[in-house]
Amino acid sequence: MTAMEDGSVVLGDLTLHYVECRGRADQPWVIFCHGFPGLAYSWRHQLPAIASAGFNAVAFDQRGYGRSSRPTDPALYDSEHTVGDVLGLMDHLGLARAVLVGHDFGAAQVYNVAVRHPDRVMAVAGVACPYDFDLAGRGGAGANPPPGTEYPRAFARPDKAPSACFAEVAAQHFYHMHYYQQPERPERELARDPRLFLTRLFWALCADGHLLDWTRFSTEGNSYLDVLADPSIPLPWPWMTEQDMQTYVDEFTRCAPGLEFIGGINSYRVADRNWEIGRKWADARVTPPSLFIAGSKDPVLQMIGDDALAVLAQRSSDLRGIELIPQAGHFVQQEQPDAFNRALLRFLDTLTAGT
């Protein structure tokens, strides 16, 4: 197995921890960006596999996670800052261009880099969340859609700020995106039992879980932990060992109380800010070669609307594949790592064919 090495980069007041696996010096670099809940560790099955194929691979703990700095101001988690994190890591590694792979919040992040700095992106792969269907997206409708257009989705709309969309859903039943908008409460409640929260959340989002059962719970009087069921089977699961879970718990809790999940919480809180920032690029297409991968049982695909993948294709200039991997939920790269790696390597091979 190719060795994994830790490193860090200082970007102003922020320090980012990363893990790299080097392949051949003449081959491209692939940067992996995780979402919530996630870490550089979430790409543990990808880094050695990609490096063994000759590519150079690096994954980092996003700001607010693991061994990276955890600023508390939500504004420091907006898309301008997270795009800057990727570019800063690239500069640190001496990379003019790189292939970007992002999952969940990381998918929005890498699409933002591809749209705003296409000269720095050799190719981009979104995982779980299609382009422009993140919390602050517009669902492909652009900056100035025709008046009177109706949008049959809960969020990723051009006509309404994300927080207003979240509040409408929360008026009907519990909705995590609305829950996270509250100051201090999520930090306080989720810090009471980080292991229980992580265990329930990982299970709810996987192929065997039932995240959307939250529709049976009202917003009033319930926390996120209250609406997440205990797993149907105890650890170890087919895709997560006891040690994997312990690593997540250890890395999320290496901080002062209340900051365990600050990276994820604040990423939800800046949805309105990112929606406004994104207006400038709302009509942009993803121009670098691209790939989209998701688990066929990912609840996110159920939440974002039936047209999301068609819109993704329309807004991508060089989409080389949409891969829906069977028997995988939200954490497709961990639940079905071999299938995920095959799909990603096929895509990477198209970039280097003939070189």
Protein backbone atom coordinates (compact mmCIF):
# COMPACT_ATOMS: atom_id res chain seq x y z
CA MET A 1 0.00 0.00 0.00
CA THR A 2 1.21 3.51 -0.82
CA ALA A 3 2.21 5.37 2.34
CA MET A 4 0.01 8.17 3.64
CA GLU A 5 1.79 11.19 5.12
CA ASP A 6 0.39 14.05 7.22
CA GLY A 7 1.07 17.69 6.53
CA SER A 8 -0.30 21.13 7.28
CA VAL A 9 -0.58 24.50 5.60
CA VAL A 10 -1.01 27.88 7.25
CA LEU A 11 -3.41 30.22 5.44
CA GLY A 12 -3.47 33.49 7.35
CA ASP A 13 -4.97 32.75 10.77
CA LEU A 14 -6.05 29.28 9.66
CA THR A 15 -4.18 25.98 9.69
CA LEU A 16 -5.39 23.10 7.54
CA HIS A 17 -4.33 19.54 8.21
CA TYR A 18 -3.98 17.25 5.21
CA VAL A 19 -3.00 13.69 4.32
CA GLU A 20 -1.22 12.91 1.07
CA CYS A 21 -0.39 9.81 -0.92
CA ARG A 22 2.10 10.32 -3.72
CA GLY A 23 2.10 8.44 -6.99
CA ARG A 24 4.29 9.44 -9.93
CA ALA A 25 5.72 12.94 -10.17
CA ASP A 26 4.58 13.34 -13.79
CA GLN A 27 0.94 12.53 -13.02
CA PRO A 28 -1.84 14.93 -11.91
CA TRP A 29 -2.79 15.69 -8.34
CA VAL A 30 -6.26 14.82 -7.08
CA ILE A 31 -7.58 16.87 -4.15
CA PHE A 32 -10.40 15.33 -2.08
CA CYS A 33 -12.79 17.62 -0.18
CA HIS A 34 -15.13 16.09 2.41
CA GLY A 35 -18.54 17.18 3.65
CA PHE A 36 -20.48 16.79 6.90
CA PRO A 37 -19.97 14.60 8.78
CA GLY A 38 -16.57 14.00 7.29
CA LEU A 39 -12.82 14.30 7.60
CA ALA A 40 -9.76 13.70 5.47
CA TYR A 41 -10.21 10.20 6.90
CA SER A 42 -13.43 9.87 4.88
CA TRP A 43 -11.20 9.33 1.82
CA ARG A 44 -9.11 6.57 3.44
CA HIS A 45 -10.14 4.08 0.75
CA GLN A 46 -9.41 6.47 -2.11
CA LEU A 47 -5.99 7.96 -1.34
CA PRO A 48 -3.93 4.73 -1.59
CA ALA A 49 -5.97 3.41 -4.52
CA ILE A 50 -5.53 6.58 -6.53
CA ALA A 51 -1.82 6.78 -5.70
CA SER A 52 -1.32 3.13 -6.61
CA ALA A 53 -2.67 3.99 -10.06
CA GLY A 54 0.07 6.61 -10.38
CA PHE A 55 -1.84 9.77 -9.47
CA ASN A 56 -0.98 11.98 -6.52
CA ALA A 57 -3.73 12.25 -3.93
CA VAL A 58 -4.37 14.60 -1.01
CA ALA A 59 -7.33 15.04 1.35
CA PHE A 60 -7.65 17.70 4.02
CA ASP A 61 -9.71 18.36 7.13
CA GLN A 62 -11.94 21.28 6.20
CA ARG A 63 -11.90 24.39 8.39
CA GLY A 64 -13.91 23.54 11.50
CA TYR A 65 -13.06 19.83 11.44
CA GLY A 66 -10.55 17.43 12.88
CA ARG A 67 -7.01 18.75 13.14
CA SER A 68 -7.67 21.95 11.21
CA SER A 69 -8.48 25.28 12.85
CA ARG A 70 -12.06 25.80 14.06
CA PRO A 71 -13.07 29.46 13.76
CA THR A 72 -16.42 30.23 15.39
CA ASP A 73 -17.64 33.10 13.19
CA PRO A 74 -20.08 31.69 10.61
CA ALA A 75 -18.96 34.27 8.03
CA LEU A 76 -15.55 32.56 7.93
CA TYR A 77 -17.19 29.49 6.38
CA ASP A 78 -18.65 31.18 3.32
CA SER A 79 -17.78 30.07 -0.20
CA GLU A 80 -15.15 32.75 -0.67
CA HIS A 81 -13.22 31.29 2.26
CA THR A 82 -13.70 27.63 1.32
CA VAL A 83 -12.69 28.28 -2.29
CA GLY A 84 -9.64 30.06 -0.90
CA ASP A 85 -8.79 26.99 1.18
CA VAL A 86 -8.54 24.81 -1.93
CA LEU A 87 -6.49 27.38 -3.82
CA GLY A 88 -4.26 27.91 -0.78
CA LEU A 89 -3.58 24.18 -0.49
CA MET A 90 -2.79 24.03 -4.21
CA ASP A 91 -0.36 26.93 -3.87
CA HIS A 92 1.27 25.24 -0.88
CA LEU A 93 1.78 22.07 -2.93
CA GLY A 94 3.05 24.05 -5.92
CA LEU A 95 0.13 23.08 -8.16
CA ALA A 96 -0.97 25.28 -11.03
CA ARG A 97 -3.90 22.91 -11.71
CA ALA A 98 -5.45 19.89 -10.04
CA VAL A 99 -8.35 17.46 -10.27
CA LEU A 100 -10.92 18.25 -7.57
CA VAL A 101 -13.24 15.68 -5.98
CA GLY A 102 -15.81 16.86 -3.45
CA HIS A 103 -18.52 15.17 -1.39
CA ASP A 104 -21.59 16.88 0.11
CA PHE A 105 -20.47 20.40 1.17
CA GLY A 106 -17.21 19.51 -0.55
CA ALA A 107 -19.09 19.03 -3.83
CA ALA A 108 -20.38 22.60 -3.71
CA GLN A 109 -16.86 23.71 -2.84
CA VAL A 110 -15.16 22.04 -5.82
CA TYR A 111 -17.88 23.18 -8.24
CA ASN A 112 -17.37 26.73 -6.95
CA VAL A 113 -13.64 26.50 -7.64
CA ALA A 114 -14.30 25.06 -11.11
CA VAL A 115 -16.72 27.86 -12.00
CA ARG A 116 -14.83 30.76 -10.43
CA HIS A 117 -11.27 29.64 -11.22
CA PRO A 118 -11.49 27.27 -14.19
CA ASP A 119 -7.84 27.90 -15.06
CA ARG A 120 -6.85 26.11 -11.83
CA VAL A 121 -9.04 23.04 -12.39
CA MET A 122 -7.93 20.17 -14.63
CA ALA A 123 -11.20 18.32 -13.93
CA VAL A 124 -13.90 18.13 -11.27
CA ALA A 125 -15.96 15.33 -9.74
CA GLY A 126 -18.99 16.03 -7.59
CA VAL A 127 -20.13 13.36 -5.15
CA ALA A 128 -23.68 13.15 -3.72
CA CYS A 129 -24.65 16.76 -4.49
CA PRO A 130 -25.03 17.84 -8.15
CA TYR A 131 -23.90 21.24 -9.38
CA ASP A 132 -26.15 24.13 -8.29
CA PHE A 133 -28.29 21.90 -6.05
CA ASP A 134 -26.41 22.63 -2.82
CA LEU A 135 -28.02 24.66 -0.02
CA ALA A 136 -27.11 27.93 -1.72
CA GLY A 137 -27.75 26.82 -5.30
CA ARG A 138 -30.45 27.92 -7.70
CA GLY A 139 -31.24 24.57 -9.28
CA GLY A 140 -29.90 25.63 -12.67
CA ALA A 141 -32.44 28.46 -12.99
CA GLY A 142 -29.80 31.18 -13.29
CA ALA A 143 -29.66 34.68 -11.87
CA ASN A 144 -32.78 36.06 -13.60
CA PRO A 145 -35.37 33.35 -14.28
CA PRO A 146 -38.69 34.26 -15.91
CA PRO A 147 -41.20 35.82 -13.48
CA GLY A 148 -43.89 33.50 -12.20
CA THR A 149 -41.84 30.32 -12.62
CA GLU A 150 -42.65 27.65 -10.03
CA TYR A 151 -39.92 25.56 -8.41
CA PRO A 152 -41.02 22.14 -7.11
CA ARG A 153 -38.24 21.71 -4.57
CA ALA A 154 -37.61 22.56 -0.94
CA PHE A 155 -34.40 24.53 -1.57
CA ALA A 156 -31.86 25.39 -4.33
CA ARG A 157 -34.28 27.98 -5.70
CA PRO A 158 -33.59 31.35 -7.35
CA ASP A 159 -36.70 33.04 -5.98
CA LYS A 160 -36.20 32.64 -2.25
CA ALA A 161 -33.28 32.81 0.18
CA PRO A 162 -32.31 29.40 1.58
CA SER A 163 -33.25 30.17 5.19
CA ALA A 164 -36.78 31.12 4.08
CA CYS A 165 -37.02 27.80 2.21
CA PHE A 166 -35.84 25.92 5.29
CA ALA A 167 -38.37 27.67 7.52
CA GLU A 168 -41.23 26.70 5.20
CA VAL A 169 -40.30 23.03 5.44
CA ALA A 170 -39.81 23.29 9.22
CA ALA A 171 -43.37 24.59 9.55
CA GLN A 172 -44.51 21.12 8.41
CA HIS A 173 -41.99 18.88 10.20
CA PHE A 174 -38.48 18.77 11.60
CA TYR A 175 -35.84 19.90 9.11
CA HIS A 176 -32.16 19.80 9.94
CA MET A 177 -31.27 22.76 7.72
CA HIS A 178 -33.63 24.96 9.73
CA TYR A 179 -32.42 23.49 13.03
CA TYR A 180 -28.85 24.55 12.30
CA GLN A 181 -29.84 28.19 11.74
CA GLN A 182 -30.43 28.65 15.47
CA PRO A 183 -27.59 30.25 17.43
CA GLU A 184 -25.85 28.10 20.06
CA ARG A 185 -28.54 25.43 20.38
CA PRO A 186 -27.08 22.87 17.92
CA GLU A 187 -23.60 23.22 19.40
CA ARG A 188 -24.95 22.70 22.92
CA GLU A 189 -27.24 19.77 22.16
CA LEU A 190 -24.96 17.80 19.86
CA ALA A 191 -21.99 18.18 22.21
CA ARG A 192 -23.80 16.17 24.89
CA ASP A 193 -23.09 12.88 23.15
CA PRO A 194 -20.95 13.24 20.01
CA ARG A 195 -20.56 9.50 19.55
CA LEU A 196 -24.32 8.90 19.62
CA PHE A 197 -24.92 11.73 17.16
CA LEU A 198 -22.26 10.51 14.74
CA THR A 199 -23.46 6.91 14.98
CA ARG A 200 -27.09 7.81 14.32
CA LEU A 201 -26.26 10.28 11.55
CA PHE A 202 -23.91 7.96 9.67
CA TRP A 203 -26.54 5.24 9.84
CA ALA A 204 -29.44 7.49 8.82
CA LEU A 205 -27.63 8.62 5.69
CA CYS A 206 -26.33 5.23 4.56
CA ALA A 207 -28.11 2.82 2.22
CA ASP A 208 -29.85 1.04 5.11
CA GLY A 209 -30.88 4.16 7.01
CA HIS A 210 -34.04 6.23 7.03
CA LEU A 211 -33.04 9.88 7.30
CA LEU A 212 -36.31 11.14 5.88
CA ASP A 213 -38.27 9.60 8.74
CA TRP A 214 -37.81 13.01 10.31
CA THR A 215 -41.06 13.94 8.56
CA ARG A 216 -42.82 12.12 11.44
CA PHE A 217 -41.47 14.65 13.95
CA SER A 218 -42.50 18.22 14.58
CA THR A 219 -39.98 21.03 14.76
CA GLU A 220 -41.12 22.15 18.19
CA GLY A 221 -39.53 20.30 21.07
CA ASN A 222 -37.18 18.12 19.02
CA SER A 223 -33.46 18.28 18.47
CA TYR A 224 -31.67 16.64 15.56
CA LEU A 225 -30.58 13.82 17.85
CA ASP A 226 -34.23 13.18 18.80
CA VAL A 227 -35.32 12.49 15.21
CA LEU A 228 -32.42 10.18 14.29
CA ALA A 229 -33.09 6.51 15.00
CA ASP A 230 -30.61 4.12 16.51
CA PRO A 231 -28.99 1.85 13.90
CA SER A 232 -30.80 -1.39 13.10
CA ILE A 233 -27.58 -3.30 13.69
CA PRO A 234 -24.69 -2.53 16.04
CA LEU A 235 -21.18 -1.77 14.88
CA PRO A 236 -19.28 -3.05 13.02
CA TRP A 237 -21.27 -2.39 9.87
CA PRO A 238 -20.19 -3.76 6.50
CA TRP A 239 -18.65 -0.37 5.67
CA MET A 240 -17.62 0.99 9.07
CA THR A 241 -15.61 -0.71 11.80
CA GLU A 242 -15.55 0.11 15.49
CA GLN A 243 -12.13 1.69 14.94
CA ASP A 244 -13.43 3.81 12.06
CA MET A 245 -16.17 5.20 14.29
CA GLN A 246 -13.73 5.79 17.12
CA THR A 247 -11.48 7.73 14.76
CA TYR A 248 -14.38 9.97 13.82
CA VAL A 249 -15.29 10.52 17.46
CA ASP A 250 -11.69 11.25 18.45
CA GLU A 251 -11.13 13.70 15.59
CA PHE A 252 -14.42 15.57 16.00
CA THR A 253 -13.89 15.95 19.76
CA ARG A 254 -10.28 17.14 19.78
CA CYS A 255 -11.50 20.65 20.65
CA ALA A 256 -13.15 22.79 23.30
CA PRO A 257 -16.72 21.75 24.23
CA GLY A 258 -19.25 23.12 21.78
CA LEU A 259 -16.88 23.15 18.80
CA GLU A 260 -17.22 19.46 17.94
CA PHE A 261 -19.44 20.06 14.92
CA ILE A 262 -18.82 23.77 14.31
CA GLY A 263 -17.60 23.17 10.75
CA GLY A 264 -20.82 21.54 9.65
CA ILE A 265 -23.12 23.80 11.67
CA ASN A 266 -21.58 27.00 10.33
CA SER A 267 -21.67 25.67 6.77
CA TYR A 268 -25.46 25.51 7.12
CA ARG A 269 -25.60 28.97 8.68
CA VAL A 270 -23.92 30.67 5.72
CA ALA A 271 -26.45 29.37 3.18
CA ASP A 272 -28.01 32.82 2.68
CA ARG A 273 -24.61 34.47 2.42
CA ASN A 274 -23.47 31.92 -0.14
CA TRP A 275 -26.70 32.36 -2.10
CA GLU A 276 -25.95 36.07 -2.42
CA ILE A 277 -22.27 35.50 -3.24
CA GLY A 278 -23.24 32.93 -5.86
CA ARG A 279 -25.53 35.29 -7.76
CA LYS A 280 -22.53 36.54 -9.76
CA TRP A 281 -21.91 33.03 -11.13
CA ALA A 282 -25.53 31.84 -11.27
CA ASP A 283 -25.49 31.56 -15.07
CA ALA A 284 -22.09 29.88 -15.26
CA ARG A 285 -21.46 26.42 -16.64
CA VAL A 286 -19.00 23.84 -15.35
CA THR A 287 -16.45 23.97 -18.16
CA PRO A 288 -13.67 21.56 -17.06
CA PRO A 289 -14.16 17.83 -17.70
CA SER A 290 -16.51 16.55 -15.01
CA LEU A 291 -17.98 13.46 -13.39
CA PHE A 292 -20.84 12.95 -10.94
CA ILE A 293 -21.03 10.01 -8.54
CA ALA A 294 -23.72 9.18 -5.99
CA GLY A 295 -25.13 6.22 -4.16
CA SER A 296 -28.38 5.00 -5.70
CA LYS A 297 -29.96 5.12 -2.23
CA ASP A 298 -28.67 8.53 -1.20
CA PRO A 299 -31.50 10.45 0.53
CA VAL A 300 -30.01 13.70 -0.78
CA LEU A 301 -31.07 12.71 -4.29
CA GLN A 302 -34.59 12.29 -2.96
CA MET A 303 -34.57 15.74 -1.38
CA ILE A 304 -33.29 17.78 -4.31
CA GLY A 305 -35.82 16.91 -7.01
CA ASP A 306 -36.17 14.64 -10.02
CA ASP A 307 -34.66 17.11 -12.48
CA ALA A 308 -31.32 17.58 -10.74
CA LEU A 309 -29.27 15.19 -12.87
CA ALA A 310 -30.79 16.49 -16.11
CA VAL A 311 -29.96 20.04 -15.05
CA LEU A 312 -26.43 18.93 -14.15
CA ALA A 313 -25.98 17.61 -17.68
CA GLN A 314 -27.35 20.81 -19.21
CA ARG A 315 -25.03 23.01 -17.14
CA SER A 316 -21.85 20.97 -17.76
CA SER A 317 -19.77 21.54 -20.88
CA ASP A 318 -17.86 18.25 -20.69
CA LEU A 319 -19.73 15.83 -18.44
CA ARG A 320 -18.06 12.46 -18.91
CA GLY A 321 -20.34 10.37 -16.75
CA ILE A 322 -23.06 10.10 -14.13
CA GLU A 323 -22.45 7.07 -11.92
CA LEU A 324 -25.19 5.92 -9.54
CA ILE A 325 -23.64 3.13 -7.50
CA PRO A 326 -26.01 0.40 -6.24
CA GLN A 327 -26.32 -0.45 -2.55
CA ALA A 328 -24.81 2.85 -1.45
CA GLY A 329 -26.29 5.80 0.36
CA HIS A 330 -24.80 9.22 1.07
CA PHE A 331 -21.32 7.95 1.94
CA VAL A 332 -20.82 6.17 -1.36
CA GLN A 333 -17.02 6.39 -1.25
CA GLN A 334 -17.04 4.55 2.09
CA GLU A 335 -20.03 2.25 1.58
CA GLN A 336 -18.90 0.95 -1.83
CA PRO A 337 -15.25 2.00 -2.10
CA ASP A 338 -14.23 -0.45 -4.83
CA ALA A 339 -17.05 0.61 -7.16
CA PHE A 340 -16.38 4.25 -6.37
CA ASN A 341 -12.67 3.91 -7.08
CA ARG A 342 -13.29 2.14 -10.37
CA ALA A 343 -15.60 4.94 -11.51
CA LEU A 344 -13.16 7.64 -10.47
CA LEU A 345 -10.16 5.93 -12.05
CA ARG A 346 -12.02 5.49 -15.33
CA PHE A 347 -12.63 9.23 -15.31
CA LEU A 348 -9.02 10.05 -14.41
CA ASP A 349 -7.81 7.82 -17.22
CA THR A 350 -9.78 9.92 -19.73
CA LEU A 351 -7.76 12.94 -18.65
CA THR A 352 -4.40 11.33 -19.28
CA ALA A 353 -5.20 9.25 -22.37
CA GLY A 354 -2.59 9.83 -25.04
CA THR A 355 -0.12 11.49 -22.68
